[in-house]
Protein backbone atom coordinates (compact mmCIF):
# COMPACT_ATOMS: atom_id res chain seq x y z
CA MET A 1 207.53 22.46 98.64
CA SER A 2 207.61 25.25 96.03
CA THR A 3 210.51 25.74 93.66
CA ALA A 4 211.73 29.26 92.81
CA ILE A 5 212.24 29.96 89.13
CA ASP A 6 214.21 33.04 88.25
CA LEU A 7 213.85 35.13 85.12
CA ASP A 8 217.34 34.33 83.73
CA THR A 9 216.59 30.60 83.79
CA LEU A 10 213.37 31.14 81.85
CA LEU A 11 215.11 33.33 79.31
CA SER A 12 217.98 30.84 78.82
CA ASN A 13 215.49 28.04 78.29
CA SER A 14 213.72 30.17 75.75
CA ASN A 15 216.94 30.75 73.81
CA VAL A 16 217.75 27.02 73.78
CA ASN A 17 214.36 25.94 72.48
CA ASN A 18 212.79 28.70 70.40
CA SER A 19 210.09 26.37 69.12
CA VAL A 20 208.38 26.24 72.53
CA GLU A 21 205.37 28.58 72.73
CA TRP A 22 205.43 30.94 75.73
CA THR A 23 202.39 31.62 77.93
CA VAL A 24 202.69 34.01 80.90
CA ASP A 25 199.81 34.94 83.15
CA ALA A 26 199.45 38.08 85.28
CA GLU A 27 200.54 36.41 88.53
CA ASP A 28 203.78 35.21 86.92
CA PHE A 29 204.49 38.70 85.59
CA ASP A 30 203.87 40.31 88.98
CA LEU A 31 206.32 37.78 90.45
CA PHE A 32 208.87 38.62 87.75
CA ALA A 33 208.32 42.36 88.25
CA THR A 34 208.90 42.14 92.01
CA GLU A 35 211.94 39.86 91.74
CA SER A 36 213.57 41.67 88.80
CA ASP A 37 215.85 44.17 90.44
CA PRO A 38 217.22 46.36 88.99
CA GLU A 39 215.04 47.32 86.00
CA PRO A 40 215.90 45.32 82.89
CA THR A 41 217.82 47.06 80.15
CA ARG A 42 216.56 47.43 76.59
CA ALA A 43 218.98 44.75 75.42
CA GLU A 44 217.57 42.33 77.99
CA ILE A 45 213.99 43.23 77.09
CA ARG A 46 214.66 42.52 73.40
CA LYS A 47 215.59 38.95 74.39
CA TRP A 48 212.27 38.41 76.17
CA PRO A 49 209.52 36.38 74.52
CA GLN A 50 206.71 38.42 72.91
CA ALA A 51 204.17 37.36 75.51
CA LEU A 52 206.33 38.76 78.31
CA LYS A 53 206.90 41.98 76.37
CA ASP A 54 203.14 42.45 75.95
CA MET A 55 202.59 41.78 79.63
CA ARG A 56 205.20 44.39 80.54
CA LYS A 57 203.55 46.98 78.29
CA LEU A 58 200.19 46.36 79.97
CA GLU A 59 201.76 46.72 83.40
CA LEU A 60 203.46 49.99 82.48
CA HIS A 61 200.20 51.30 81.02
CA ARG A 62 198.35 50.33 84.18
CA ARG A 63 200.86 52.22 86.31
CA ARG A 64 200.69 55.32 84.09
CA MET A 65 196.89 55.35 84.23
CA ALA A 66 196.96 54.91 88.00
CA ARG A 67 199.28 57.90 88.35
CA PHE A 68 197.08 59.94 85.98
CA ARG A 69 193.92 59.13 87.92
CA ASN A 70 195.60 59.99 91.18
CA ARG A 71 196.81 63.34 89.86
CA ARG A 72 193.36 64.10 88.44
CA ALA A 73 191.69 63.23 91.74
CA VAL A 74 194.11 65.46 93.63
CA LYS A 75 193.56 68.30 91.15
CA LYS A 76 189.78 67.94 91.37
CA ASN A 77 189.93 67.93 95.15
CA ASP A 78 192.11 71.06 95.10
CA MET A 79 189.65 72.80 92.76
CA ASN A 80 186.71 71.90 95.00
CA GLU A 81 188.58 73.21 98.01
CA GLU A 82 189.41 76.43 96.15
CA TYR A 83 185.77 76.80 95.04
CA ARG A 84 184.50 76.37 98.60
CA ARG A 85 187.09 78.83 99.87
CA LEU A 86 186.17 81.46 97.28
CA GLU A 87 182.45 80.91 97.85
CA GLN A 88 182.92 81.36 101.58
CA LYS A 89 185.04 84.45 100.96
CA LEU A 90 182.33 85.88 98.67
CA GLU A 91 179.66 85.31 101.31
CA GLN A 92 181.85 87.02 103.88
CA ARG A 93 182.44 89.98 101.55
CA LEU A 94 178.72 90.29 100.80
CA ALA A 95 177.89 90.15 104.50
CA ALA A 96 180.50 92.83 105.16
CA LEU A 97 179.05 94.99 102.39
CA HIS A 98 175.58 94.63 103.87
CA ARG A 99 176.92 95.65 107.29
CA ASN A 100 178.78 98.63 105.85
CA LYS A 101 175.68 99.69 103.96
CA LYS A 102 173.67 99.80 107.18
CA CYS A 103 176.30 101.90 108.95
CA ASP A 104 176.03 105.69 108.84
CA GLY A 105 178.46 107.42 106.51
CA ASN A 106 180.92 105.97 104.05
CA GLY A 107 183.76 105.59 106.55
CA GLY A 108 186.28 107.13 104.18
CA ILE A 109 185.54 104.68 101.37
CA ASP A 110 186.47 105.90 97.92
CA SER A 111 183.46 106.86 95.77
CA VAL A 112 184.42 104.44 92.99
CA GLN A 113 184.84 101.63 95.49
CA LEU A 114 181.49 102.49 97.05
CA GLN A 115 179.81 102.38 93.64
CA MET A 116 181.41 99.03 92.91
CA GLN A 117 180.14 97.67 96.22
CA GLN A 118 176.63 98.89 95.46
CA LEU A 119 176.85 97.36 91.99
CA VAL A 120 177.85 93.98 93.45
CA LEU A 121 174.95 94.11 95.89
CA GLU A 122 172.49 95.03 93.15
CA HIS A 123 173.85 92.26 90.91
CA GLU A 124 173.38 89.67 93.65
CA SER A 125 169.89 90.95 94.43
CA LEU A 126 168.89 90.86 90.76
CA ARG A 127 170.28 87.36 90.37
CA GLU A 128 168.21 86.09 93.30
CA GLU A 129 165.14 87.88 91.97
CA HIS A 130 165.75 86.39 88.52
CA VAL A 131 165.81 82.86 89.94
CA LYS A 132 162.58 83.45 91.88
CA LEU A 133 160.85 84.93 88.83
CA GLN A 134 161.93 81.99 86.68
CA GLN A 135 160.42 79.60 89.21
CA GLU A 136 157.19 81.60 89.41
CA LEU A 137 156.99 81.83 85.63
CA ALA A 138 157.43 78.08 85.24
CA ARG A 139 154.69 77.47 87.81
CA PHE A 140 152.37 79.95 86.09
CA GLN A 141 152.96 78.41 82.65
CA LYS A 142 152.23 74.95 84.03
CA LEU A 143 148.95 76.14 85.57
CA ALA A 144 148.01 77.99 82.38
CA LEU A 145 148.54 74.85 80.30
CA MET A 146 146.42 72.81 82.72
CA ILE A 147 143.61 75.39 82.64
CA GLN A 148 143.75 75.66 78.85
CA SER A 149 143.65 71.88 78.48
CA ALA A 150 140.65 71.59 80.82
CA ARG A 151 138.86 74.44 79.01
CA ASN A 152 139.41 72.86 75.59
CA SER A 153 138.08 69.56 76.89
CA VAL A 154 134.90 71.22 78.16
CA LEU A 155 134.45 73.17 74.91
CA ASN A 156 134.87 70.02 72.83
CA ASP A 157 132.23 68.24 74.91
CA ASN A 158 129.84 71.19 74.54
CA ASN A 159 130.47 71.38 70.81
CA ALA A 160 129.69 67.69 70.42
CA THR A 161 126.44 68.09 72.39
CA ASN A 162 125.40 71.22 70.51
CA SER A 163 126.20 69.59 67.19
CA THR A 164 123.98 66.61 68.01
CA GLU A 165 121.12 68.84 69.12
CA MET A 166 121.38 71.28 66.23
CA HIS A 167 121.53 68.59 63.57
CA SER A 168 118.21 67.29 64.89
CA GLU A 169 116.56 70.70 64.47
CA VAL A 170 115.88 72.19 61.06
CA THR A 171 115.22 75.90 60.48
CA VAL A 172 114.25 77.74 57.33
CA ARG A 173 115.26 80.96 55.62
CA CYS A 174 113.89 82.83 52.61
CA ILE A 175 115.97 82.66 49.43
CA GLU A 176 114.37 84.39 46.42
CA SER A 177 110.88 83.91 47.90
CA LYS A 178 111.41 80.17 48.21
CA TRP A 179 111.66 78.65 51.67
CA GLN A 180 114.44 76.11 51.84
CA PRO A 181 115.64 74.07 54.81
CA VAL A 182 119.07 75.08 56.13
CA GLN A 183 121.07 73.03 58.61
CA GLN A 184 122.46 75.18 61.44
CA GLN A 185 126.17 75.01 62.11
CA SER A 186 127.49 74.17 65.54
CA GLY A 187 129.10 76.91 67.58
CA PHE A 188 129.24 78.47 71.02
CA ARG A 189 128.99 81.86 72.71
CA VAL A 190 132.20 83.61 73.70
CA HIS A 191 132.13 85.67 76.89
CA PHE A 192 134.57 88.36 77.99
CA PRO A 193 135.30 89.78 81.44
CA GLN A 194 134.33 93.27 82.63
CA ALA A 195 130.83 93.00 81.14
CA SER A 196 132.08 93.26 77.56
CA PRO A 197 129.45 92.13 75.03
CA SER A 198 129.65 88.47 74.08
CA PHE A 199 129.32 87.02 70.59
CA PHE A 200 128.48 83.70 68.96
CA PHE A 201 131.38 81.96 67.25
CA HIS A 202 131.03 79.55 64.34
CA PRO A 203 134.15 77.39 63.85
CA PHE A 204 136.08 77.85 60.62
CA THR A 205 136.22 75.04 58.13
CA ARG A 206 139.68 73.99 57.03
CA GLU A 207 138.96 75.36 53.56
CA GLU A 208 138.01 78.78 54.97
CA PHE A 209 141.15 78.80 57.13
CA ASP A 210 143.44 77.92 54.22
CA ASP A 211 141.75 80.41 51.87
CA ILE A 212 142.47 83.28 54.28
CA LEU A 213 146.15 82.34 54.51
CA ARG A 214 146.39 82.00 50.73
CA CYS A 215 144.87 85.47 50.38
CA HIS A 216 147.52 86.83 52.75
CA ASP A 217 150.26 85.14 50.72
CA LYS A 218 148.85 86.65 47.54
CA ASN A 219 148.75 90.16 49.01
CA THR A 220 152.33 89.94 50.30
CA ALA A 221 153.87 88.02 47.39
CA ARG A 222 155.29 91.05 45.58
CA ASN A 223 159.03 91.08 45.05
CA SER A 224 160.96 93.60 47.14
CA SER A 225 162.10 95.34 43.94
CA TYR A 226 158.48 96.43 43.36
CA LEU A 227 158.19 97.93 46.85
CA ALA A 228 159.43 101.36 47.92
CA TRP A 229 162.76 101.38 49.77
CA ALA A 230 162.42 102.96 53.23
CA GLY A 231 165.88 102.37 54.72
CA VAL A 232 167.63 100.13 57.25
CA TYR A 233 166.23 99.64 60.74
CA LEU A 234 168.34 97.73 63.30
CA GLY A 235 169.86 95.57 60.58
CA TRP A 236 166.54 95.02 58.75
CA LYS A 237 165.98 96.26 55.20
CA VAL A 238 162.60 98.00 55.26
CA TYR A 239 160.25 98.31 52.28
CA HIS A 240 156.68 99.52 51.98
CA GLY A 241 153.96 99.29 49.37
CA ALA A 242 151.42 101.83 48.17
CA LEU A 243 148.23 102.29 50.18
CA THR A 244 145.31 100.32 48.76
CA PRO A 245 141.68 101.05 49.69
CA GLY A 246 139.68 98.30 51.40
CA LYS A 247 135.99 98.10 52.26
CA ASP A 248 136.24 100.24 55.40
CA PHE A 249 139.99 100.78 55.83
CA LEU A 250 143.19 101.64 54.00
CA ILE A 251 145.59 98.71 53.78
CA ALA A 252 149.33 99.27 54.20
CA HIS A 253 152.03 96.72 53.38
CA VAL A 254 155.42 96.78 55.15
CA ARG A 255 158.29 94.31 54.67
CA CYS A 256 161.43 93.81 56.77
CA SER A 257 164.10 91.40 55.57
CA LYS A 258 167.67 90.41 56.38
CA ARG A 259 170.08 87.49 56.12
CA ILE A 260 171.64 85.99 59.24
CA HIS A 261 174.43 83.47 59.70
CA CYS A 262 172.60 80.71 61.50
CA SER A 263 171.37 77.27 60.53
CA ILE A 264 167.65 76.86 60.08
CA ASP A 265 167.59 74.08 62.69
CA SER A 266 169.21 76.38 65.24
CA MET A 267 166.67 79.09 64.46
CA MET A 268 163.75 76.70 64.90
CA ASP A 269 165.18 75.66 68.28
CA ARG A 270 165.31 79.30 69.35
CA LEU A 271 161.61 79.68 68.53
CA ILE A 272 160.72 77.02 71.12
CA SER A 273 160.45 77.96 74.81
CA GLN A 274 161.95 75.89 77.61
CA ASP A 275 158.54 74.37 78.38
CA GLY A 276 158.20 73.20 74.77
CA SER A 277 155.67 75.83 73.69
CA SER A 278 156.16 77.99 70.62
CA LYS A 279 157.24 81.63 70.98
CA TRP A 280 155.10 82.50 67.96
CA PRO A 281 153.03 84.62 67.55
CA ILE A 282 154.43 87.98 68.67
CA MET A 283 151.16 89.79 69.32
CA PRO A 284 150.81 93.60 69.20
CA THR A 285 150.23 95.31 72.52
CA ALA A 286 147.81 98.13 73.28
CA ARG A 287 150.74 100.54 73.14
CA ASP A 288 151.71 99.27 69.69
CA ILE A 289 148.36 100.27 68.21
CA GLY A 290 148.06 103.45 70.28
CA VAL A 291 145.16 102.59 72.61
CA ARG A 292 144.80 102.51 76.37
CA ALA A 293 142.82 99.41 77.11
CA GLU A 294 143.04 95.97 78.61
CA ILE A 295 143.42 93.10 76.16
CA ASN A 296 141.59 89.80 76.52
CA ILE A 297 142.78 86.87 74.41
CA GLN A 298 140.92 83.58 74.00
CA THR A 299 141.57 80.50 71.87
CA LEU A 300 138.39 79.73 69.92
CA GLN A 301 139.37 76.79 67.73
CA LYS A 302 142.29 74.42 67.41
CA PHE A 303 143.05 72.28 64.35
CA ASP A 304 146.38 71.08 65.78
CA GLU A 305 149.21 72.36 67.98
CA ASP A 306 150.43 74.75 65.27
CA THR A 307 147.09 75.80 63.75
CA TYR A 308 144.39 77.60 65.74
CA VAL A 309 142.04 80.61 65.89
CA ILE A 310 142.10 83.27 68.61
CA VAL A 311 140.08 86.39 69.38
CA ARG A 312 141.53 89.60 70.83
CA ASN A 313 139.26 92.09 72.56
CA TYR A 314 140.41 95.59 73.60
CA THR A 315 138.09 96.82 76.33
CA GLY A 316 137.20 100.48 76.73
CA GLY A 317 134.46 102.85 75.66
CA THR A 318 134.22 100.80 72.48
CA ASN A 319 135.18 97.12 72.40
CA PHE A 320 137.70 96.81 69.60
CA ARG A 321 138.10 93.14 68.59
CA TYR A 322 139.15 90.82 65.80
CA MET A 323 139.66 87.12 65.11
CA CYS A 324 143.12 85.99 64.15
CA LEU A 325 144.39 82.81 62.46
CA VAL A 326 147.71 81.47 63.75
CA GLN A 327 149.73 78.79 61.99
CA ARG A 328 153.22 77.43 61.52
CA SER A 329 153.26 76.04 58.00
CA GLU A 330 154.64 72.70 56.95
CA ILE A 331 158.17 72.35 55.57
CA GLU A 332 158.39 73.16 51.89
CA LEU A 333 161.20 71.74 49.76
CA LEU A 334 162.54 74.36 47.36
CA ASP A 335 165.52 73.06 45.36
CA GLY A 336 166.44 70.87 48.30
CA LYS A 337 166.28 73.80 50.74
CA ARG A 338 163.83 74.06 53.61
CA LYS A 339 161.32 76.82 54.24
CA PHE A 340 159.14 77.62 57.26
CA LYS A 341 156.34 80.16 57.41
CA PHE A 342 154.57 81.55 60.48
CA TYR A 343 151.21 83.32 60.20
CA TYR A 344 149.29 85.77 62.38
CA VAL A 345 146.48 86.85 60.05
CA LEU A 346 143.11 88.51 60.66
CA GLY A 347 140.21 86.40 59.39
CA ASP A 348 136.45 86.12 59.16
CA SER A 349 133.84 83.75 57.73
CA LYS A 350 130.38 84.16 56.24
CA ALA A 351 128.78 82.29 59.14
CA ASN A 352 130.38 84.59 61.71
CA ALA A 353 129.47 87.67 59.66
CA ARG A 354 125.79 86.58 59.57
CA SER A 355 125.89 85.92 63.30
CA ARG A 356 127.25 89.40 64.03
CA ASP A 357 124.60 91.01 61.83
CA ALA A 358 121.92 89.22 63.83
CA GLU A 359 123.31 90.37 67.20
CA LEU A 360 121.31 93.01 69.08
CA THR A 361 124.49 94.82 70.19
CA GLY A 362 124.88 98.12 68.38
CA GLN A 363 128.00 99.33 66.62
CA ASP A 364 128.59 101.82 69.44
CA ASP A 365 129.44 98.94 71.78
CA VAL A 366 131.59 96.71 69.54
CA GLN A 367 133.79 97.43 66.56
CA TRP A 368 135.02 94.43 64.59
CA VAL A 369 138.04 94.52 62.29
CA THR A 370 137.42 92.10 59.45
CA GLU A 371 139.60 93.59 56.70
CA ARG A 372 142.59 91.53 55.67
CA GLY A 373 145.60 92.25 57.82
CA GLY A 374 148.18 90.70 60.12
CA TYR A 375 151.72 89.61 59.47
CA SER A 376 153.82 86.58 58.58
CA LEU A 377 157.42 85.48 59.06
CA THR A 378 159.23 83.41 56.43
CA LEU A 379 162.45 81.50 57.15
CA SER A 380 164.22 80.38 53.96
CA GLU A 381 167.32 78.20 54.10
CA VAL A 382 170.18 79.58 51.99
CA ASP A 383 172.82 77.04 52.99
CA ASP A 384 173.87 75.10 56.08
CA SER A 385 174.98 78.24 57.92
CA SER A 386 172.69 81.06 56.77
CA ILE A 387 168.99 81.81 56.30
CA ASP A 388 166.86 84.65 54.92
CA LEU A 389 164.26 86.23 57.22
CA VAL A 390 161.29 88.07 55.71
CA PHE A 391 158.63 89.81 57.84
CA ASP A 392 155.53 90.87 55.87
CA SER A 393 152.80 92.92 57.51
CA LEU A 394 149.40 94.10 56.30
CA GLY A 395 147.66 96.74 58.43
CA CYS A 396 144.17 98.22 58.23
CA PHE A 397 143.83 101.94 59.00
CA LYS A 398 141.17 104.62 58.70
CA SER A 399 143.50 107.31 57.40
CA GLU A 400 146.93 107.84 55.87
CA GLU A 401 148.18 109.21 59.19
CA HIS A 402 147.29 105.97 60.91
CA ALA A 403 148.90 104.05 58.06
CA LEU A 404 152.16 105.94 58.54
CA GLY A 405 152.09 104.90 62.19
CA HIS A 406 152.14 101.33 60.95
CA PHE A 407 155.90 101.67 60.46
CA THR A 408 156.37 102.34 64.17
CA MET A 409 153.98 99.59 65.26
CA PHE A 410 155.50 96.93 63.06
CA GLY A 411 159.02 98.08 63.98
CA ARG A 412 158.22 97.36 67.63
CA ILE A 413 156.99 93.88 66.77
CA VAL A 414 160.12 93.12 64.74
CA THR A 415 162.30 94.47 67.56
CA ARG A 416 160.52 92.32 70.14
CA TRP A 417 161.02 89.27 67.92
CA ASP A 418 164.74 90.09 67.62
CA GLN A 419 165.07 90.40 71.39
CA LEU A 420 163.10 87.23 71.99
CA VAL A 421 165.14 85.09 69.60
CA PHE A 422 168.64 86.58 69.62
CA ALA A 423 168.96 88.33 72.98
CA SER A 424 167.13 85.95 75.30
CA ASN A 425 170.25 85.40 77.42
CA LEU A 426 171.27 89.02 77.95
CA LEU A 427 169.44 89.31 81.28
CA LYS A 428 170.66 86.02 82.72
CA PHE A 429 173.25 86.24 85.49
């Protein structure tokens, strides 16, 4: 038979013998809480043992949290109900707008209201089209990566086979009337669509690749104070250098620079697409260089993910083409600050020049651009919240008039880069 023990008895026993250590479990406290009616006063609570006080605090906290969770669940449920109601109301409104649009006449609708209705319908249509295009673009990029990977695998296998065969064959050439054996370099023939003439490509050595980039750095290394001030274009400070004669072209130097309030890590994140690929380089279009032709781009050589060689061919009456070296440079530490540099530089090698000279295709069919040119982007960390951007461009032109058009061409490239990096979310609904 159980014996009931009330709270007053326990408290009186505690006052008589204060040396006894109190232990109260949860079941005892629940029993006390249910039997203690009315609520104990503060004076009574101060007489309780510490263990009972702690147990009461835990119980009160448990009740408060239970009430909080209940209120939050009710609020969340109300918000979900409101969301479903508004979504259903929006669908009904859109359906009504579609029905009204199909009806003849405006039915007395105010012109401003009619324009607003049309704007809502266009917004919804564009949003749906945007989602579909994003899905198609993701699918296309995935297929393009798969095709590029398969193509590179085949080219690597062919290069290995050709290298083995060519190293086993020895040819000769005449050097100062003395025949000397020369080992042929491995390479492969590059074909273009629409019956454009092909050419034989000899891979660049790493030394040749780095020398071309160093030459570009040397030609664009002048301080802005030594360049002519042209003005401000969309927030960019624009400078240009004097025209310098090349072998077949005039070379023009243009620089655009500005400082932005953004961390260098955030900027590097913006230069990466959602699929993980780099948004660099920003290549000139046919409109940028003032021609009407289709452009074919092929990757010829890859040192790593950030260093490779491409060829661009503009089809037309004359095939206008050039090889370009693309690279994102390693991090440089300058007084503890970080620096990134991105290259898109025209390049050539002695082996490829000899191969072109030996081709049977006349100059009327193909025109190669081998003069130094291209552009580079430098990101320099100023502090944790700002960086300096410097765009340097070298262009090759046949006349001063074409060189002056370089301002417009490079301005379009800089504008496209701005839109790609800073305004990528403007068209998202």
